[in-house]
């Protein structure tokens, strides 16, 4: 899918192109999706849901 792993955090994956950026942070069974476009994030989550059972907890309000 074109992601690169971060050198500083092994659970962080990034994908950059000329107009969009997508960050995926994975911790055990939780996935945090951050991107430059709402449509980009939704399409990625939809792609994941075709292969895995997902529970979307909606927008994140706090992250430590």
PDB file of N, CA and C in Angstrom:
ATOM      1  N   UNK A   1       0.813  -1.199   0.000  1.00  0.00           N
ATOM      2  CA  UNK A   1       0.000   0.000   0.000  1.00  0.00           C
ATOM      3  C   UNK A   1       0.853   1.258   0.000  1.00  0.00           C
ATOM      4  N   UNK A   2       2.164   1.084  -0.028  1.00  0.00           N
ATOM      5  CA  UNK A   2       3.027   2.242  -0.160  1.00  0.00           C
ATOM      6  C   UNK A   2       3.431   2.916   1.128  1.00  0.00           C
ATOM      7  N   UNK A   3       3.286   2.259   2.266  1.00  0.00           N
ATOM      8  CA  UNK A   3       3.655   2.848   3.549  1.00  0.00           C
ATOM      9  C   UNK A   3       5.120   2.587   3.857  1.00  0.00           C
ATOM     10  N   UNK A   4       5.715   3.518   4.579  1.00  0.00           N
ATOM     11  CA  UNK A   4       7.085   3.373   5.071  1.00  0.00           C
ATOM     12  C   UNK A   4       7.039   3.373   6.586  1.00  0.00           C
ATOM     13  N   UNK A   5       7.840   2.517   7.207  1.00  0.00           N
ATOM     14  CA  UNK A   5       7.879   2.505   8.665  1.00  0.00           C
ATOM     15  C   UNK A   5       8.797   3.610   9.161  1.00  0.00           C
ATOM     16  N   UNK A   6       8.448   4.138  10.314  1.00  0.00           N
ATOM     17  CA  UNK A   6       9.226   5.210  10.926  1.00  0.00           C
ATOM     18  C   UNK A   6      10.490   4.640  11.542  1.00  0.00           C
ATOM     19  N   UNK A   7      11.564   5.371  11.461  1.00  0.00           N
ATOM     20  CA  UNK A   7      12.820   4.938  12.085  1.00  0.00           C
ATOM     21  C   UNK A   7      12.804   5.156  13.587  1.00  0.00           C
ATOM     22  N   UNK A   8      11.994   6.092  14.063  1.00  0.00           N
ATOM     23  CA  UNK A   8      11.969   6.399  15.489  1.00  0.00           C
ATOM     24  C   UNK A   8      10.874   5.660  16.259  1.00  0.00           C
ATOM     25  N   UNK A   9       9.841   5.181  15.564  1.00  0.00           N
ATOM     26  CA  UNK A   9       8.736   4.469  16.215  1.00  0.00           C
ATOM     27  C   UNK A   9       8.291   3.341  15.298  1.00  0.00           C
ATOM     28  N   UNK A  10       8.489   2.106  15.716  1.00  0.00           N
ATOM     29  CA  UNK A  10       8.198   0.956  14.867  1.00  0.00           C
ATOM     30  C   UNK A  10       6.709   0.720  14.662  1.00  0.00           C
ATOM     31  N   UNK A  11       5.859   1.413  15.398  1.00  0.00           N
ATOM     32  CA  UNK A  11       4.417   1.251  15.223  1.00  0.00           C
ATOM     33  C   UNK A  11       3.805   2.362  14.368  1.00  0.00           C
ATOM     34  N   UNK A  12       4.624   3.268  13.845  1.00  0.00           N
ATOM     35  CA  UNK A  12       4.158   4.374  13.014  1.00  0.00           C
ATOM     36  C   UNK A  12       4.529   4.127  11.559  1.00  0.00           C
ATOM     37  N   UNK A  13       3.518   4.237  10.693  1.00  0.00           N
ATOM     38  CA  UNK A  13       3.717   4.053   9.258  1.00  0.00           C
ATOM     39  C   UNK A  13       3.211   5.294   8.534  1.00  0.00           C
ATOM     40  N   UNK A  14       3.933   5.731   7.515  1.00  0.00           N
ATOM     41  CA  UNK A  14       3.578   6.945   6.793  1.00  0.00           C
ATOM     42  C   UNK A  14       3.515   6.683   5.297  1.00  0.00           C
ATOM     43  N   UNK A  15       2.675   7.471   4.637  1.00  0.00           N
ATOM     44  CA  UNK A  15       2.613   7.450   3.173  1.00  0.00           C
ATOM     45  C   UNK A  15       2.460   8.900   2.705  1.00  0.00           C
ATOM     46  N   UNK A  16       3.400   9.343   1.912  1.00  0.00           N
ATOM     47  CA  UNK A  16       3.407  10.706   1.388  1.00  0.00           C
ATOM     48  C   UNK A  16       3.319  10.656  -0.131  1.00  0.00           C
ATOM     49  N   UNK A  17       2.605  11.614  -0.701  1.00  0.00           N
ATOM     50  CA  UNK A  17       2.710  11.868  -2.138  1.00  0.00           C
ATOM     51  C   UNK A  17       2.609  13.372  -2.337  1.00  0.00           C
ATOM     52  N   UNK A  18       2.508  13.833  -3.550  1.00  0.00           N
ATOM     53  CA  UNK A  18       2.556  15.268  -3.844  1.00  0.00           C
ATOM     54  C   UNK A  18       1.431  16.059  -3.184  1.00  0.00           C
ATOM     55  N   UNK A  19       0.266  15.426  -2.972  1.00  0.00           N
ATOM     56  CA  UNK A  19      -0.874  16.192  -2.452  1.00  0.00           C
ATOM     57  C   UNK A  19      -1.470  15.644  -1.158  1.00  0.00           C
ATOM     58  N   UNK A  20      -1.090  14.417  -0.761  1.00  0.00           N
ATOM     59  CA  UNK A  20      -1.719  13.822   0.413  1.00  0.00           C
ATOM     60  C   UNK A  20      -0.683  13.177   1.340  1.00  0.00           C
ATOM     61  N   UNK A  21      -1.055  13.122   2.617  1.00  0.00           N
ATOM     62  CA  UNK A  21      -0.226  12.492   3.636  1.00  0.00           C
ATOM     63  C   UNK A  21      -1.127  11.611   4.490  1.00  0.00           C
ATOM     64  N   UNK A  22      -0.650  10.420   4.829  1.00  0.00           N
ATOM     65  CA  UNK A  22      -1.415   9.516   5.678  1.00  0.00           C
ATOM     66  C   UNK A  22      -0.477   8.905   6.720  1.00  0.00           C
ATOM     67  N   UNK A  23      -0.880   8.974   7.982  1.00  0.00           N
ATOM     68  CA  UNK A  23      -0.138   8.398   9.093  1.00  0.00           C
ATOM     69  C   UNK A  23      -0.989   7.310   9.726  1.00  0.00           C
ATOM     70  N   UNK A  24      -0.385   6.158   9.995  1.00  0.00           N
ATOM     71  CA  UNK A  24      -1.064   5.057  10.663  1.00  0.00           C
ATOM     72  C   UNK A  24      -0.233   4.682  11.885  1.00  0.00           C
ATOM     73  N   UNK A  25      -0.842   4.755  13.052  1.00  0.00           N
ATOM     74  CA  UNK A  25      -0.174   4.378  14.295  1.00  0.00           C
ATOM     75  C   UNK A  25      -0.888   3.153  14.843  1.00  0.00           C
ATOM     76  N   UNK A  26      -0.152   2.082  15.074  1.00  0.00           N
ATOM     77  CA  UNK A  26      -0.737   0.816  15.524  1.00  0.00           C
ATOM     78  C   UNK A  26      -0.214   0.501  16.915  1.00  0.00           C
ATOM     79  N   UNK A  27      -1.139   0.227  17.829  1.00  0.00           N
ATOM     80  CA  UNK A  27      -0.770  -0.178  19.183  1.00  0.00           C
ATOM     81  C   UNK A  27      -1.657  -1.360  19.573  1.00  0.00           C
ATOM     82  N   UNK A  28      -1.097  -2.520  19.662  1.00  0.00           N
ATOM     83  CA  UNK A  28      -1.770  -3.784  19.987  1.00  0.00           C
ATOM     84  C   UNK A  28      -2.937  -3.987  19.016  1.00  0.00           C
ATOM     85  N   UNK A  29      -4.173  -3.726  19.445  1.00  0.00           N
ATOM     86  CA  UNK A  29      -5.320  -3.905  18.558  1.00  0.00           C
ATOM     87  C   UNK A  29      -6.019  -2.580  18.241  1.00  0.00           C
ATOM     88  N   UNK A  30      -5.339  -1.483  18.460  1.00  0.00           N
ATOM     89  CA  UNK A  30      -5.874  -0.157  18.145  1.00  0.00           C
ATOM     90  C   UNK A  30      -5.092   0.450  16.988  1.00  0.00           C
ATOM     91  N   UNK A  31      -5.802   1.148  16.125  1.00  0.00           N
ATOM     92  CA  UNK A  31      -5.180   1.810  14.986  1.00  0.00           C
ATOM     93  C   UNK A  31      -5.648   3.260  14.966  1.00  0.00           C
ATOM     94  N   UNK A  32      -4.712   4.167  14.894  1.00  0.00           N
ATOM     95  CA  UNK A  32      -5.000   5.594  14.780  1.00  0.00           C
ATOM     96  C   UNK A  32      -4.659   6.015  13.356  1.00  0.00           C
ATOM     97  N   UNK A  33      -5.640   6.568  12.648  1.00  0.00           N
ATOM     98  CA  UNK A  33      -5.461   6.993  11.259  1.00  0.00           C
ATOM     99  C   UNK A  33      -5.539   8.508  11.214  1.00  0.00           C
ATOM    100  N   UNK A  34      -4.480   9.141  10.726  1.00  0.00           N
ATOM    101  CA  UNK A  34      -4.422  10.596  10.606  1.00  0.00           C
ATOM    102  C   UNK A  34      -4.012  10.919   9.178  1.00  0.00           C
ATOM    103  N   UNK A  35      -4.720  11.844   8.560  1.00  0.00           N
ATOM    104  CA  UNK A  35      -4.389  12.180   7.183  1.00  0.00           C
ATOM    105  C   UNK A  35      -4.706  13.609   6.844  1.00  0.00           C
ATOM    106  N   UNK A  36      -4.237  14.016   5.690  1.00  0.00           N
ATOM    107  CA  UNK A  36      -4.436  15.385   5.233  1.00  0.00           C
ATOM    108  C   UNK A  36      -5.811  15.589   4.615  1.00  0.00           C
ATOM    109  N   UNK A  37      -6.562  14.504   4.437  1.00  0.00           N
ATOM    110  CA  UNK A  37      -7.873  14.590   3.799  1.00  0.00           C
ATOM    111  C   UNK A  37      -8.824  13.600   4.464  1.00  0.00           C
ATOM    112  N   UNK A  38     -10.028  14.054   4.751  1.00  0.00           N
ATOM    113  CA  UNK A  38     -11.042  13.185   5.338  1.00  0.00           C
ATOM    114  C   UNK A  38     -11.384  12.041   4.384  1.00  0.00           C
ATOM    115  N   UNK A  39     -11.470  12.335   3.101  1.00  0.00           N
ATOM    116  CA  UNK A  39     -11.767  11.317   2.096  1.00  0.00           C
ATOM    117  C   UNK A  39     -10.675  10.256   2.040  1.00  0.00           C
ATOM    118  N   UNK A  40      -9.435  10.667   2.135  1.00  0.00           N
ATOM    119  CA  UNK A  40      -8.295   9.742   2.146  1.00  0.00           C
ATOM    120  C   UNK A  40      -8.388   8.799   3.340  1.00  0.00           C
ATOM    121  N   UNK A  41      -8.662   9.334   4.522  1.00  0.00           N
ATOM    122  CA  UNK A  41      -8.763   8.515   5.719  1.00  0.00           C
ATOM    123  C   UNK A  41      -9.931   7.543   5.624  1.00  0.00           C
ATOM    124  N   UNK A  42     -11.071   8.017   5.132  1.00  0.00           N
ATOM    125  CA  UNK A  42     -12.246   7.157   5.001  1.00  0.00           C
ATOM    126  C   UNK A  42     -12.013   6.027   4.007  1.00  0.00           C
ATOM    127  N   UNK A  43     -11.345   6.316   2.902  1.00  0.00           N
ATOM    128  CA  UNK A  43     -11.092   5.265   1.915  1.00  0.00           C
ATOM    129  C   UNK A  43     -10.112   4.228   2.462  1.00  0.00           C
ATOM    130  N   UNK A  44      -9.127   4.668   3.250  1.00  0.00           N
ATOM    131  CA  UNK A  44      -8.198   3.721   3.870  1.00  0.00           C
ATOM    132  C   UNK A  44      -8.917   2.829   4.868  1.00  0.00           C
ATOM    133  N   UNK A  45      -9.762   3.407   5.701  1.00  0.00           N
ATOM    134  CA  UNK A  45     -10.521   2.632   6.683  1.00  0.00           C
ATOM    135  C   UNK A  45     -11.456   1.658   5.978  1.00  0.00           C
ATOM    136  N   UNK A  46     -12.078   2.090   4.898  1.00  0.00           N
ATOM    137  CA  UNK A  46     -12.956   1.207   4.127  1.00  0.00           C
ATOM    138  C   UNK A  46     -12.160   0.037   3.554  1.00  0.00           C
ATOM    139  N   UNK A  47     -10.959   0.322   3.051  1.00  0.00           N
ATOM    140  CA  UNK A  47     -10.098  -0.740   2.523  1.00  0.00           C
ATOM    141  C   UNK A  47      -9.739  -1.745   3.616  1.00  0.00           C
ATOM    142  N   UNK A  48      -9.404  -1.256   4.805  1.00  0.00           N
ATOM    143  CA  UNK A  48      -9.090  -2.149   5.919  1.00  0.00           C
ATOM    144  C   UNK A  48     -10.295  -3.008   6.302  1.00  0.00           C
ATOM    145  N   UNK A  49     -11.482  -2.418   6.264  1.00  0.00           N
ATOM    146  CA  UNK A  49     -12.682  -3.137   6.694  1.00  0.00           C
ATOM    147  C   UNK A  49     -13.065  -4.259   5.734  1.00  0.00           C
ATOM    148  N   UNK A  50     -12.535  -4.245   4.507  1.00  0.00           N
ATOM    149  CA  UNK A  50     -12.815  -5.362   3.602  1.00  0.00           C
ATOM    150  C   UNK A  50     -12.029  -6.608   4.000  1.00  0.00           C
ATOM    151  N   UNK A  51     -10.955  -6.436   4.770  1.00  0.00           N
ATOM    152  CA  UNK A  51     -10.116  -7.567   5.177  1.00  0.00           C
ATOM    153  C   UNK A  51     -10.184  -7.884   6.669  1.00  0.00           C
ATOM    154  N   UNK A  52     -10.608  -6.931   7.476  1.00  0.00           N
ATOM    155  CA  UNK A  52     -10.611  -7.100   8.929  1.00  0.00           C
ATOM    156  C   UNK A  52     -11.915  -6.578   9.513  1.00  0.00           C
ATOM    157  N   UNK A  53     -12.311  -7.153  10.633  1.00  0.00           N
ATOM    158  CA  UNK A  53     -13.472  -6.639  11.369  1.00  0.00           C
ATOM    159  C   UNK A  53     -13.031  -5.385  12.122  1.00  0.00           C
ATOM    160  N   UNK A  54     -13.680  -4.272  11.846  1.00  0.00           N
ATOM    161  CA  UNK A  54     -13.302  -3.000  12.465  1.00  0.00           C
ATOM    162  C   UNK A  54     -14.455  -2.421  13.263  1.00  0.00           C
ATOM    163  N   UNK A  55     -14.097  -1.659  14.265  1.00  0.00           N
ATOM    164  CA  UNK A  55     -15.061  -0.873  15.024  1.00  0.00           C
ATOM    165  C   UNK A  55     -14.539   0.554  15.011  1.00  0.00           C
ATOM    166  N   UNK A  56     -15.202   1.410  14.269  1.00  0.00           N
ATOM    167  CA  UNK A  56     -14.776   2.809  14.150  1.00  0.00           C
ATOM    168  C   UNK A  56     -15.307   3.581  15.345  1.00  0.00           C
ATOM    169  N   UNK A  57     -14.404   4.136  16.133  1.00  0.00           N
ATOM    170  CA  UNK A  57     -14.794   4.866  17.337  1.00  0.00           C
ATOM    171  C   UNK A  57     -14.954   6.358  17.083  1.00  0.00           C
ATOM    172  N   UNK A  58     -14.983   6.730  15.801  1.00  0.00           N
ATOM    173  CA  UNK A  58     -15.202   8.117  15.397  1.00  0.00           C
ATOM    174  C   UNK A  58     -13.999   8.988  15.713  1.00  0.00           C
ATOM    175  N   UNK A  59     -14.124  10.311  15.535  1.00  0.00           N
ATOM    176  CA  UNK A  59     -12.953  11.206  15.697  1.00  0.00           C
ATOM    177  C   UNK A  59     -12.334  11.129  17.101  1.00  0.00           C
ATOM    178  N   UNK A  60     -11.040  11.198  17.124  1.00  0.00           N
ATOM    179  CA  UNK A  60     -10.270  11.154  18.366  1.00  0.00           C
ATOM    180  C   UNK A  60     -10.299  12.539  19.020  1.00  0.00           C
ATOM    181  N   UNK A  61     -10.558  12.576  20.306  1.00  0.00           N
ATOM    182  CA  UNK A  61     -10.581  13.850  21.030  1.00  0.00           C
ATOM    183  C   UNK A  61      -9.356  14.042  21.910  1.00  0.00           C
ATOM    184  N   UNK A  62      -8.701  12.926  22.254  1.00  0.00           N
ATOM    185  CA  UNK A  62      -7.556  13.009  23.169  1.00  0.00           C
ATOM    186  C   UNK A  62      -6.634  11.836  22.879  1.00  0.00           C
ATOM    187  N   UNK A  63      -5.343  12.084  22.834  1.00  0.00           N
ATOM    188  CA  UNK A  63      -4.369  11.021  22.609  1.00  0.00           C
ATOM    189  C   UNK A  63      -3.149  11.313  23.435  1.00  0.00           C
ATOM    190  N   UNK A  64      -2.734  10.367  24.257  1.00  0.00           N
ATOM    191  CA  UNK A  64      -1.580  10.553  25.130  1.00  0.00           C
ATOM    192  C   UNK A  64      -0.410   9.762  24.593  1.00  0.00           C
TER     193      UNK A  64
END
